[in-house]
């Protein structure tokens, strides 16, 4: 399991757990179980030794939350817990700084992928968004430095052109769904 698991019973306080290390979520033990090491066929045959090491420490963060499930809040919290902001002194190379940035409202969506287009065309970037707020309607992606945008499916097959206004493009993913766009410089 990577990411988080959330328990939100109706009308009661809920809990979210975010593993710092990868776990396997098991639902076949009668109760919620996380298995960091072991045999997925027989839990009694747990691995006791990995390359001579037999002492392990598994880390996770746990938080209680108000009643009701909020996918965007659970996702944002789990990412903060598992991958906290790292600070370091120094200067970044200019090649890392002198490039267009992307921005999306974190209450509505998360960028799951930012990469060069598979077709290898220079100056084209593919962005995949996951709508995490549970709402329908427009999600605005700020992408200054790009001159055009095309909607794509998740396999990067081009669909329709999208209007680019003042460095922003509007996408319309379904609630908890995915959207993809190819940005062109």
N, C-alpha and C. Protein backbone atom coordinates (compact mmCIF):
# COMPACT_ATOMS: atom_id res chain seq x y z
N UNK A 1 0.85 -1.17 0.00
CA UNK A 1 0.00 0.00 0.00
C UNK A 1 0.89 1.23 0.00
N UNK A 2 0.59 2.14 -0.86
CA UNK A 2 1.30 3.41 -0.86
C UNK A 2 0.26 4.51 -0.89
N UNK A 3 0.51 5.59 -0.22
CA UNK A 3 -0.44 6.69 -0.18
C UNK A 3 -1.07 6.80 1.18
N UNK A 4 -2.29 6.26 1.32
CA UNK A 4 -2.98 6.34 2.60
C UNK A 4 -4.14 5.37 2.64
N UNK A 5 -4.61 5.11 3.84
CA UNK A 5 -5.86 4.39 4.07
C UNK A 5 -6.67 5.24 5.03
N UNK A 6 -7.96 5.36 4.76
CA UNK A 6 -8.81 6.21 5.58
C UNK A 6 -10.00 5.41 6.08
N UNK A 7 -10.37 5.64 7.34
CA UNK A 7 -11.55 5.04 7.94
C UNK A 7 -12.44 6.18 8.37
N UNK A 8 -13.61 6.31 7.73
CA UNK A 8 -14.52 7.42 8.02
C UNK A 8 -15.94 6.88 8.22
N UNK A 9 -16.24 6.38 9.43
CA UNK A 9 -17.61 5.88 9.66
C UNK A 9 -18.59 7.05 9.69
N UNK A 10 -19.81 6.86 9.22
CA UNK A 10 -20.78 7.95 9.19
C UNK A 10 -21.02 8.55 10.58
N UNK A 11 -20.89 9.87 10.68
CA UNK A 11 -21.20 10.59 11.91
C UNK A 11 -20.21 10.41 13.04
N UNK A 12 -19.07 9.78 12.78
CA UNK A 12 -18.07 9.56 13.84
C UNK A 12 -16.72 10.06 13.38
N UNK A 13 -15.85 10.28 14.34
CA UNK A 13 -14.49 10.72 14.04
C UNK A 13 -13.81 9.65 13.18
N UNK A 14 -13.06 10.09 12.17
CA UNK A 14 -12.37 9.17 11.29
C UNK A 14 -10.88 9.18 11.56
N UNK A 15 -10.17 8.30 10.86
CA UNK A 15 -8.71 8.23 11.00
C UNK A 15 -8.10 7.96 9.63
N UNK A 16 -6.95 8.56 9.42
CA UNK A 16 -6.19 8.34 8.19
C UNK A 16 -4.79 7.90 8.59
N UNK A 17 -4.27 6.87 7.93
CA UNK A 17 -2.91 6.42 8.18
C UNK A 17 -2.14 6.54 6.86
N UNK A 18 -0.94 7.09 6.96
CA UNK A 18 -0.06 7.26 5.79
C UNK A 18 1.24 6.53 6.08
N UNK A 19 1.57 5.50 5.32
CA UNK A 19 2.82 4.80 5.55
C UNK A 19 4.01 5.62 5.04
N UNK A 20 5.05 5.65 5.80
CA UNK A 20 6.29 6.28 5.35
C UNK A 20 7.06 5.26 4.50
N UNK A 21 6.91 3.99 4.83
CA UNK A 21 7.49 2.89 4.07
C UNK A 21 6.34 2.17 3.36
N UNK A 22 6.62 1.42 2.31
CA UNK A 22 5.58 0.71 1.57
C UNK A 22 5.04 -0.46 2.40
N UNK A 23 3.74 -0.58 2.45
CA UNK A 23 3.07 -1.66 3.15
C UNK A 23 2.12 -2.34 2.18
N UNK A 24 1.64 -3.50 2.56
CA UNK A 24 0.56 -4.14 1.83
C UNK A 24 -0.67 -4.06 2.72
N UNK A 25 -1.78 -3.56 2.21
CA UNK A 25 -3.03 -3.48 2.94
C UNK A 25 -3.74 -4.82 2.79
N UNK A 26 -4.11 -5.42 3.93
CA UNK A 26 -4.79 -6.71 3.89
C UNK A 26 -6.17 -6.56 4.49
N UNK A 27 -7.15 -7.05 3.79
CA UNK A 27 -8.53 -7.04 4.28
C UNK A 27 -9.02 -8.44 4.58
N UNK A 28 -8.16 -9.45 4.44
CA UNK A 28 -8.56 -10.84 4.62
C UNK A 28 -8.30 -11.37 6.03
N UNK A 29 -7.92 -10.52 6.96
CA UNK A 29 -7.61 -10.96 8.32
C UNK A 29 -8.77 -10.70 9.28
N UNK A 30 -9.89 -10.23 8.77
CA UNK A 30 -11.04 -9.93 9.62
C UNK A 30 -11.06 -8.47 10.03
N UNK A 31 -9.92 -7.88 10.20
CA UNK A 31 -9.81 -6.46 10.53
C UNK A 31 -8.77 -5.86 9.59
N UNK A 32 -8.75 -4.55 9.53
CA UNK A 32 -7.78 -3.86 8.69
C UNK A 32 -6.37 -4.23 9.15
N UNK A 33 -5.51 -4.68 8.24
CA UNK A 33 -4.15 -5.07 8.60
C UNK A 33 -3.17 -4.54 7.57
N UNK A 34 -2.00 -4.12 8.05
CA UNK A 34 -0.91 -3.69 7.19
C UNK A 34 0.22 -4.68 7.35
N UNK A 35 0.74 -5.18 6.23
CA UNK A 35 1.80 -6.17 6.28
C UNK A 35 3.04 -5.61 5.63
N UNK A 36 4.06 -5.24 6.42
CA UNK A 36 5.28 -4.72 5.83
C UNK A 36 6.20 -5.83 5.31
N UNK A 37 6.24 -6.95 5.97
CA UNK A 37 7.03 -8.10 5.56
C UNK A 37 6.18 -9.34 5.74
N UNK A 38 6.39 -10.34 4.96
CA UNK A 38 5.67 -11.57 5.22
C UNK A 38 5.34 -12.33 3.97
N UNK A 39 4.55 -13.33 4.17
CA UNK A 39 4.11 -14.21 3.11
C UNK A 39 2.64 -13.89 2.86
N UNK A 40 2.30 -13.45 1.67
CA UNK A 40 0.91 -13.06 1.43
C UNK A 40 -0.03 -14.26 1.31
N UNK A 41 0.50 -15.47 1.29
CA UNK A 41 -0.34 -16.66 1.27
C UNK A 41 -0.63 -17.20 2.67
N UNK A 42 0.34 -17.03 3.57
CA UNK A 42 0.17 -17.52 4.95
C UNK A 42 0.85 -16.54 5.89
N UNK A 43 0.07 -15.72 6.59
CA UNK A 43 0.62 -14.69 7.44
C UNK A 43 1.44 -15.24 8.59
N UNK A 44 1.26 -16.54 8.93
CA UNK A 44 2.05 -17.14 10.01
C UNK A 44 3.49 -17.41 9.56
N UNK A 45 3.73 -17.41 8.27
CA UNK A 45 5.07 -17.64 7.73
C UNK A 45 5.72 -16.31 7.39
N UNK A 46 5.75 -15.40 8.32
CA UNK A 46 6.32 -14.07 8.10
C UNK A 46 7.82 -14.17 7.91
N UNK A 47 8.36 -13.34 7.05
CA UNK A 47 9.79 -13.28 6.81
C UNK A 47 10.46 -12.71 8.05
N UNK A 48 11.38 -13.45 8.63
CA UNK A 48 12.08 -13.02 9.84
C UNK A 48 13.46 -12.46 9.53
N UNK A 49 13.94 -12.70 8.33
CA UNK A 49 15.32 -12.33 8.00
C UNK A 49 15.36 -11.84 6.56
N UNK A 50 15.99 -10.70 6.35
CA UNK A 50 16.22 -10.22 4.99
C UNK A 50 17.69 -9.89 4.85
N UNK A 51 18.41 -10.77 4.17
CA UNK A 51 19.84 -10.60 3.95
C UNK A 51 20.61 -10.41 5.25
N UNK A 52 20.25 -11.19 6.26
CA UNK A 52 20.96 -11.14 7.53
C UNK A 52 20.37 -10.18 8.54
N UNK A 53 19.53 -9.26 8.11
CA UNK A 53 18.89 -8.33 9.05
C UNK A 53 17.60 -8.95 9.58
N UNK A 54 17.43 -8.87 10.89
CA UNK A 54 16.21 -9.41 11.49
C UNK A 54 15.52 -8.40 12.40
N UNK A 55 16.04 -7.18 12.47
CA UNK A 55 15.42 -6.13 13.26
C UNK A 55 14.96 -5.04 12.30
N UNK A 56 13.66 -4.77 12.29
CA UNK A 56 13.09 -3.83 11.34
C UNK A 56 12.28 -2.77 12.08
N UNK A 57 12.21 -1.59 11.50
CA UNK A 57 11.37 -0.53 12.04
C UNK A 57 10.53 0.00 10.88
N UNK A 58 9.23 0.01 11.07
CA UNK A 58 8.32 0.48 10.04
C UNK A 58 7.64 1.74 10.54
N UNK A 59 7.61 2.74 9.69
CA UNK A 59 7.12 4.05 10.09
C UNK A 59 5.81 4.39 9.39
N UNK A 60 4.96 5.08 10.11
CA UNK A 60 3.72 5.57 9.55
C UNK A 60 3.27 6.79 10.35
N UNK A 61 2.38 7.56 9.77
CA UNK A 61 1.76 8.69 10.47
C UNK A 61 0.27 8.41 10.55
N UNK A 62 -0.32 8.79 11.67
CA UNK A 62 -1.73 8.57 11.90
C UNK A 62 -2.36 9.88 12.34
N UNK A 63 -3.53 10.21 11.81
CA UNK A 63 -4.23 11.41 12.24
C UNK A 63 -5.72 11.12 12.36
N UNK A 64 -6.33 11.73 13.35
CA UNK A 64 -7.79 11.69 13.48
C UNK A 64 -8.34 12.91 12.75
N UNK A 65 -9.55 12.78 12.24
CA UNK A 65 -10.17 13.91 11.55
C UNK A 65 -11.66 13.97 11.86
N UNK A 66 -12.26 15.10 11.57
CA UNK A 66 -13.69 15.31 11.80
C UNK A 66 -14.49 14.30 11.00
N UNK A 67 -15.73 14.05 11.41
CA UNK A 67 -16.57 13.10 10.67
C UNK A 67 -16.68 13.46 9.19
N UNK A 68 -16.80 12.44 8.37
CA UNK A 68 -16.92 12.62 6.93
C UNK A 68 -15.59 12.41 6.24
N UNK A 69 -15.66 11.93 5.02
CA UNK A 69 -14.45 11.66 4.24
C UNK A 69 -14.19 12.82 3.29
N UNK A 70 -12.96 13.32 3.29
CA UNK A 70 -12.53 14.39 2.39
C UNK A 70 -11.30 13.89 1.64
N UNK A 71 -11.50 13.39 0.42
CA UNK A 71 -10.42 12.79 -0.35
C UNK A 71 -9.27 13.77 -0.57
N UNK A 72 -9.58 15.01 -0.92
CA UNK A 72 -8.51 15.99 -1.18
C UNK A 72 -7.67 16.23 0.06
N UNK A 73 -8.32 16.37 1.23
CA UNK A 73 -7.58 16.60 2.47
C UNK A 73 -6.75 15.38 2.86
N UNK A 74 -7.31 14.17 2.70
CA UNK A 74 -6.57 12.95 3.04
C UNK A 74 -5.36 12.79 2.13
N UNK A 75 -5.53 13.05 0.85
CA UNK A 75 -4.43 12.93 -0.10
C UNK A 75 -3.35 13.96 0.19
N UNK A 76 -3.75 15.21 0.41
CA UNK A 76 -2.76 16.26 0.70
C UNK A 76 -2.01 15.96 1.99
N UNK A 77 -2.72 15.54 3.03
CA UNK A 77 -2.05 15.23 4.31
C UNK A 77 -1.10 14.05 4.15
N UNK A 78 -1.52 12.99 3.46
CA UNK A 78 -0.66 11.81 3.31
C UNK A 78 0.61 12.14 2.53
N UNK A 79 0.51 12.99 1.50
CA UNK A 79 1.70 13.40 0.75
C UNK A 79 2.62 14.23 1.63
N UNK A 80 2.05 15.13 2.44
CA UNK A 80 2.87 15.92 3.36
C UNK A 80 3.57 15.04 4.37
N UNK A 81 2.88 14.02 4.87
CA UNK A 81 3.46 13.12 5.88
C UNK A 81 4.55 12.24 5.28
N UNK A 82 4.30 11.70 4.09
CA UNK A 82 5.23 10.75 3.48
C UNK A 82 6.40 11.43 2.78
N UNK A 83 6.18 12.62 2.27
CA UNK A 83 7.24 13.32 1.54
C UNK A 83 7.27 14.78 1.98
N UNK A 84 7.74 15.03 3.19
CA UNK A 84 7.73 16.42 3.67
C UNK A 84 8.69 17.29 2.87
N UNK A 85 8.43 18.57 2.92
CA UNK A 85 9.28 19.54 2.23
C UNK A 85 10.71 19.44 2.77
N UNK A 86 11.66 19.38 1.89
CA UNK A 86 13.06 19.30 2.28
C UNK A 86 13.73 20.63 1.96
N UNK A 87 14.45 21.14 2.92
CA UNK A 87 15.16 22.41 2.75
C UNK A 87 16.66 22.16 2.67
N UNK A 88 17.32 22.92 1.82
CA UNK A 88 18.77 22.82 1.71
C UNK A 88 19.31 24.20 1.34
N UNK A 89 20.49 24.51 1.85
CA UNK A 89 21.14 25.78 1.52
C UNK A 89 21.84 25.65 0.17
N UNK A 90 21.89 26.75 -0.55
CA UNK A 90 22.60 26.75 -1.83
C UNK A 90 21.75 27.38 -2.91
N UNK A 91 22.23 27.27 -4.12
CA UNK A 91 21.54 27.83 -5.27
C UNK A 91 21.27 26.72 -6.28
N UNK A 92 20.09 26.78 -6.87
CA UNK A 92 19.77 25.84 -7.93
C UNK A 92 20.38 26.33 -9.24
N UNK A 93 20.76 25.42 -10.11
CA UNK A 93 21.29 25.83 -11.42
C UNK A 93 20.23 26.61 -12.21
N UNK A 94 20.68 27.56 -13.00
CA UNK A 94 19.78 28.38 -13.80
C UNK A 94 18.89 27.54 -14.72
N UNK A 95 19.41 26.42 -15.24
CA UNK A 95 18.61 25.58 -16.14
C UNK A 95 17.39 25.01 -15.43
N UNK A 96 17.43 24.88 -14.11
CA UNK A 96 16.27 24.40 -13.36
C UNK A 96 15.31 25.53 -13.04
N UNK A 97 15.81 26.74 -12.95
CA UNK A 97 14.98 27.88 -12.58
C UNK A 97 14.34 28.56 -13.76
N UNK A 98 15.01 28.60 -14.88
CA UNK A 98 14.53 29.33 -16.06
C UNK A 98 13.67 28.42 -16.92
N UNK A 99 12.56 28.00 -16.37
CA UNK A 99 11.62 27.16 -17.11
C UNK A 99 10.21 27.48 -16.65
N UNK A 100 9.23 27.18 -17.50
CA UNK A 100 7.85 27.46 -17.11
C UNK A 100 7.45 26.62 -15.90
N UNK A 101 6.60 27.18 -15.07
CA UNK A 101 6.08 26.45 -13.93
C UNK A 101 4.62 26.09 -14.20
N UNK A 102 4.10 25.18 -13.43
CA UNK A 102 2.70 24.79 -13.52
C UNK A 102 2.06 25.03 -12.16
N UNK A 103 0.78 25.36 -12.18
CA UNK A 103 0.07 25.60 -10.92
C UNK A 103 -1.37 25.14 -11.07
N UNK A 104 -1.86 24.41 -10.07
CA UNK A 104 -3.25 23.96 -10.05
C UNK A 104 -3.75 24.11 -8.62
N UNK A 105 -5.04 24.39 -8.47
CA UNK A 105 -5.64 24.56 -7.15
C UNK A 105 -5.60 23.22 -6.41
N UNK A 106 -4.82 23.14 -5.33
CA UNK A 106 -4.63 21.89 -4.59
C UNK A 106 -5.91 21.41 -3.91
N UNK A 107 -6.91 22.28 -3.76
CA UNK A 107 -8.18 21.85 -3.19
C UNK A 107 -9.01 21.08 -4.20
N UNK A 108 -8.64 21.16 -5.47
CA UNK A 108 -9.40 20.52 -6.53
C UNK A 108 -8.67 19.40 -7.25
N UNK A 109 -7.35 19.54 -7.40
CA UNK A 109 -6.65 18.56 -8.24
C UNK A 109 -5.19 18.44 -7.84
N UNK A 110 -4.59 17.37 -8.30
CA UNK A 110 -3.19 17.07 -8.06
C UNK A 110 -2.57 16.68 -9.39
N UNK A 111 -1.41 17.23 -9.71
CA UNK A 111 -0.70 16.82 -10.92
C UNK A 111 0.00 15.50 -10.62
N UNK A 112 -0.40 14.44 -11.31
CA UNK A 112 0.20 13.12 -11.08
C UNK A 112 1.36 12.85 -12.02
N UNK A 113 1.48 13.64 -13.08
CA UNK A 113 2.53 13.41 -14.06
C UNK A 113 2.82 14.70 -14.81
N UNK A 114 4.08 15.05 -14.93
CA UNK A 114 4.55 16.14 -15.78
C UNK A 114 5.77 15.58 -16.49
N UNK A 115 5.69 15.43 -17.83
CA UNK A 115 6.76 14.76 -18.55
C UNK A 115 6.79 15.20 -20.01
N UNK A 116 7.90 14.98 -20.69
CA UNK A 116 7.94 15.26 -22.13
C UNK A 116 6.93 14.35 -22.85
N UNK A 117 6.35 14.83 -23.92
CA UNK A 117 5.39 14.04 -24.69
C UNK A 117 6.07 12.79 -25.25
N UNK A 118 5.32 11.68 -25.29
CA UNK A 118 5.86 10.42 -25.79
C UNK A 118 6.28 10.49 -27.25
N UNK A 119 5.63 11.35 -28.05
CA UNK A 119 5.96 11.40 -29.48
C UNK A 119 7.31 12.06 -29.74
N UNK A 120 7.96 12.59 -28.68
CA UNK A 120 9.30 13.15 -28.82
C UNK A 120 9.37 14.53 -29.44
N UNK A 121 8.22 15.13 -29.70
CA UNK A 121 8.23 16.46 -30.30
C UNK A 121 8.85 17.46 -29.32
N UNK A 122 9.79 18.28 -29.78
CA UNK A 122 10.43 19.23 -28.86
C UNK A 122 9.44 20.28 -28.36
N UNK A 123 9.61 20.67 -27.11
CA UNK A 123 8.79 21.74 -26.53
C UNK A 123 7.38 21.32 -26.14
N UNK A 124 7.11 20.01 -26.12
CA UNK A 124 5.78 19.55 -25.74
C UNK A 124 5.86 18.80 -24.41
N UNK A 125 4.95 19.16 -23.50
CA UNK A 125 4.91 18.58 -22.17
C UNK A 125 3.52 18.03 -21.92
N UNK A 126 3.44 16.84 -21.35
CA UNK A 126 2.15 16.23 -20.99
C UNK A 126 1.96 16.36 -19.48
N UNK A 127 0.76 16.80 -19.10
CA UNK A 127 0.39 16.93 -17.68
C UNK A 127 -0.86 16.10 -17.48
N UNK A 128 -0.83 15.25 -16.43
CA UNK A 128 -2.02 14.49 -16.05
C UNK A 128 -2.48 15.00 -14.69
N UNK A 129 -3.77 15.25 -14.57
CA UNK A 129 -4.35 15.74 -13.33
C UNK A 129 -5.32 14.72 -12.77
N UNK A 130 -5.39 14.65 -11.45
CA UNK A 130 -6.36 13.82 -10.74
C UNK A 130 -7.25 14.77 -9.96
N UNK A 131 -8.54 14.78 -10.24
CA UNK A 131 -9.48 15.62 -9.52
C UNK A 131 -9.70 14.98 -8.15
N UNK A 132 -9.28 15.65 -7.10
CA UNK A 132 -9.32 15.08 -5.75
C UNK A 132 -10.38 15.71 -4.85
N UNK A 133 -11.04 16.76 -5.31
CA UNK A 133 -12.02 17.45 -4.48
C UNK A 133 -13.41 16.84 -4.51
N UNK A 134 -13.64 15.90 -5.44
CA UNK A 134 -14.96 15.28 -5.55
C UNK A 134 -16.00 16.17 -6.20
N UNK A 135 -15.57 17.14 -6.98
CA UNK A 135 -16.47 18.10 -7.62
C UNK A 135 -16.36 17.99 -9.13
N UNK A 136 -17.44 18.32 -9.79
CA UNK A 136 -17.39 18.44 -11.24
C UNK A 136 -17.14 19.91 -11.57
N UNK A 137 -16.83 20.18 -12.79
CA UNK A 137 -16.59 21.56 -13.21
C UNK A 137 -15.14 21.80 -13.55
N UNK A 138 -14.87 23.01 -13.93
CA UNK A 138 -13.58 23.39 -14.48
C UNK A 138 -12.47 23.39 -13.43
N UNK A 139 -11.33 22.84 -13.81
CA UNK A 139 -10.08 22.93 -13.04
C UNK A 139 -9.12 23.72 -13.92
N UNK A 140 -8.57 24.81 -13.37
CA UNK A 140 -7.69 25.68 -14.15
C UNK A 140 -6.24 25.28 -13.88
N UNK A 141 -5.50 25.08 -14.96
CA UNK A 141 -4.07 24.79 -14.89
C UNK A 141 -3.33 26.01 -15.41
N UNK A 142 -2.55 26.64 -14.54
CA UNK A 142 -1.72 27.78 -14.97
C UNK A 142 -0.44 27.21 -15.56
N UNK A 143 -0.15 27.59 -16.79
CA UNK A 143 1.02 27.06 -17.49
C UNK A 143 1.66 28.16 -18.32
N UNK A 144 2.18 29.22 -17.65
CA UNK A 144 2.80 30.30 -18.42
C UNK A 144 4.03 29.78 -19.17
N UNK A 145 4.28 30.35 -20.32
CA UNK A 145 5.41 29.92 -21.14
C UNK A 145 4.98 28.96 -22.23
N UNK A 146 3.75 28.49 -22.19
CA UNK A 146 3.22 27.62 -23.24
C UNK A 146 2.26 28.43 -24.09
N UNK A 147 2.22 28.18 -25.40
CA UNK A 147 1.39 28.96 -26.31
C UNK A 147 0.12 28.24 -26.72
N UNK A 148 0.08 26.89 -26.58
CA UNK A 148 -1.09 26.13 -27.02
C UNK A 148 -1.27 24.91 -26.12
N UNK A 149 -2.49 24.37 -26.16
CA UNK A 149 -2.80 23.18 -25.36
C UNK A 149 -3.78 22.31 -26.12
N UNK A 150 -3.61 21.01 -26.00
CA UNK A 150 -4.53 20.04 -26.60
C UNK A 150 -4.92 19.04 -25.53
N UNK A 151 -6.21 18.75 -25.46
CA UNK A 151 -6.67 17.69 -24.56
C UNK A 151 -6.18 16.36 -25.12
N UNK A 152 -5.76 15.47 -24.23
CA UNK A 152 -5.39 14.11 -24.64
C UNK A 152 -6.07 13.12 -23.71
N UNK A 153 -6.07 11.86 -24.11
CA UNK A 153 -6.49 10.84 -23.16
C UNK A 153 -5.24 10.44 -22.37
N UNK A 154 -5.35 9.48 -21.48
CA UNK A 154 -4.21 9.12 -20.63
C UNK A 154 -3.11 8.39 -21.40
N UNK A 155 -3.41 7.97 -22.64
CA UNK A 155 -2.39 7.35 -23.50
C UNK A 155 -1.78 8.36 -24.46
N UNK A 156 -2.09 9.63 -24.25
CA UNK A 156 -1.57 10.76 -25.03
C UNK A 156 -2.10 10.82 -26.45
N UNK A 157 -3.23 10.19 -26.70
CA UNK A 157 -3.88 10.36 -28.01
C UNK A 157 -4.59 11.70 -27.98
N UNK A 158 -4.26 12.53 -28.96
CA UNK A 158 -4.80 13.89 -28.97
C UNK A 158 -6.29 13.89 -29.26
N UNK A 159 -6.97 14.77 -28.53
CA UNK A 159 -8.39 15.00 -28.74
C UNK A 159 -8.56 16.40 -29.30
N UNK A 160 -9.20 17.27 -28.61
CA UNK A 160 -9.50 18.60 -29.14
C UNK A 160 -8.52 19.65 -28.63
N UNK A 161 -8.36 20.74 -29.39
CA UNK A 161 -7.55 21.85 -28.89
C UNK A 161 -8.28 22.51 -27.71
N UNK A 162 -7.52 23.05 -26.78
CA UNK A 162 -8.06 23.76 -25.63
C UNK A 162 -7.62 25.21 -25.71
N UNK A 163 -8.50 26.10 -25.28
CA UNK A 163 -8.17 27.53 -25.30
C UNK A 163 -7.14 27.84 -24.23
N UNK A 164 -6.11 28.58 -24.63
CA UNK A 164 -5.05 29.02 -23.72
C UNK A 164 -5.23 30.52 -23.57
N UNK A 165 -5.61 30.97 -22.36
CA UNK A 165 -5.85 32.40 -22.13
C UNK A 165 -4.97 32.88 -20.99
N UNK A 166 -4.09 33.83 -21.30
CA UNK A 166 -3.17 34.42 -20.32
C UNK A 166 -2.38 33.33 -19.56
N UNK A 167 -1.92 32.33 -20.31
CA UNK A 167 -1.11 31.27 -19.73
C UNK A 167 -1.89 30.27 -18.89
N UNK A 168 -3.21 30.22 -19.07
CA UNK A 168 -4.04 29.28 -18.29
C UNK A 168 -4.91 28.47 -19.25
N UNK A 169 -5.10 27.21 -18.89
CA UNK A 169 -5.96 26.32 -19.66
C UNK A 169 -6.97 25.69 -18.70
N UNK A 170 -8.21 25.55 -19.16
CA UNK A 170 -9.28 24.98 -18.33
C UNK A 170 -9.55 23.54 -18.76
N UNK A 171 -9.57 22.65 -17.77
CA UNK A 171 -9.88 21.24 -17.99
C UNK A 171 -11.16 20.92 -17.24
N UNK A 172 -11.85 19.88 -17.66
CA UNK A 172 -13.13 19.53 -17.04
C UNK A 172 -13.17 18.05 -16.69
N UNK A 173 -12.39 17.61 -15.69
CA UNK A 173 -12.43 16.19 -15.31
C UNK A 173 -13.69 15.89 -14.52
N UNK A 174 -14.11 14.63 -14.54
CA UNK A 174 -15.25 14.24 -13.70
C UNK A 174 -14.77 14.15 -12.25
N UNK A 175 -15.67 14.13 -11.30
CA UNK A 175 -15.32 14.06 -9.88
C UNK A 175 -14.45 12.83 -9.63
N UNK A 176 -13.33 13.02 -8.99
CA UNK A 176 -12.33 11.99 -8.68
C UNK A 176 -11.74 11.35 -9.94
N UNK A 177 -11.94 11.98 -11.08
CA UNK A 177 -11.44 11.43 -12.34
C UNK A 177 -10.11 12.04 -12.75
N UNK A 178 -9.65 11.66 -13.92
CA UNK A 178 -8.36 12.10 -14.44
C UNK A 178 -8.57 12.92 -15.71
N UNK A 179 -7.65 13.80 -15.97
CA UNK A 179 -7.63 14.59 -17.21
C UNK A 179 -6.18 14.71 -17.65
N UNK A 180 -5.97 14.85 -18.93
CA UNK A 180 -4.61 15.00 -19.45
C UNK A 180 -4.59 16.08 -20.52
N UNK A 181 -3.48 16.78 -20.57
CA UNK A 181 -3.32 17.88 -21.53
C UNK A 181 -1.89 17.86 -22.05
N UNK A 182 -1.75 18.17 -23.35
CA UNK A 182 -0.43 18.34 -23.94
C UNK A 182 -0.21 19.84 -24.10
N UNK A 183 0.83 20.35 -23.48
CA UNK A 183 1.18 21.77 -23.56
C UNK A 183 2.27 21.94 -24.60
N UNK A 184 2.15 23.00 -25.42
CA UNK A 184 3.08 23.22 -26.53
C UNK A 184 3.70 24.60 -26.37
N UNK A 185 5.02 24.65 -26.43
CA UNK A 185 5.73 25.94 -26.33
C UNK A 185 5.75 26.64 -27.65
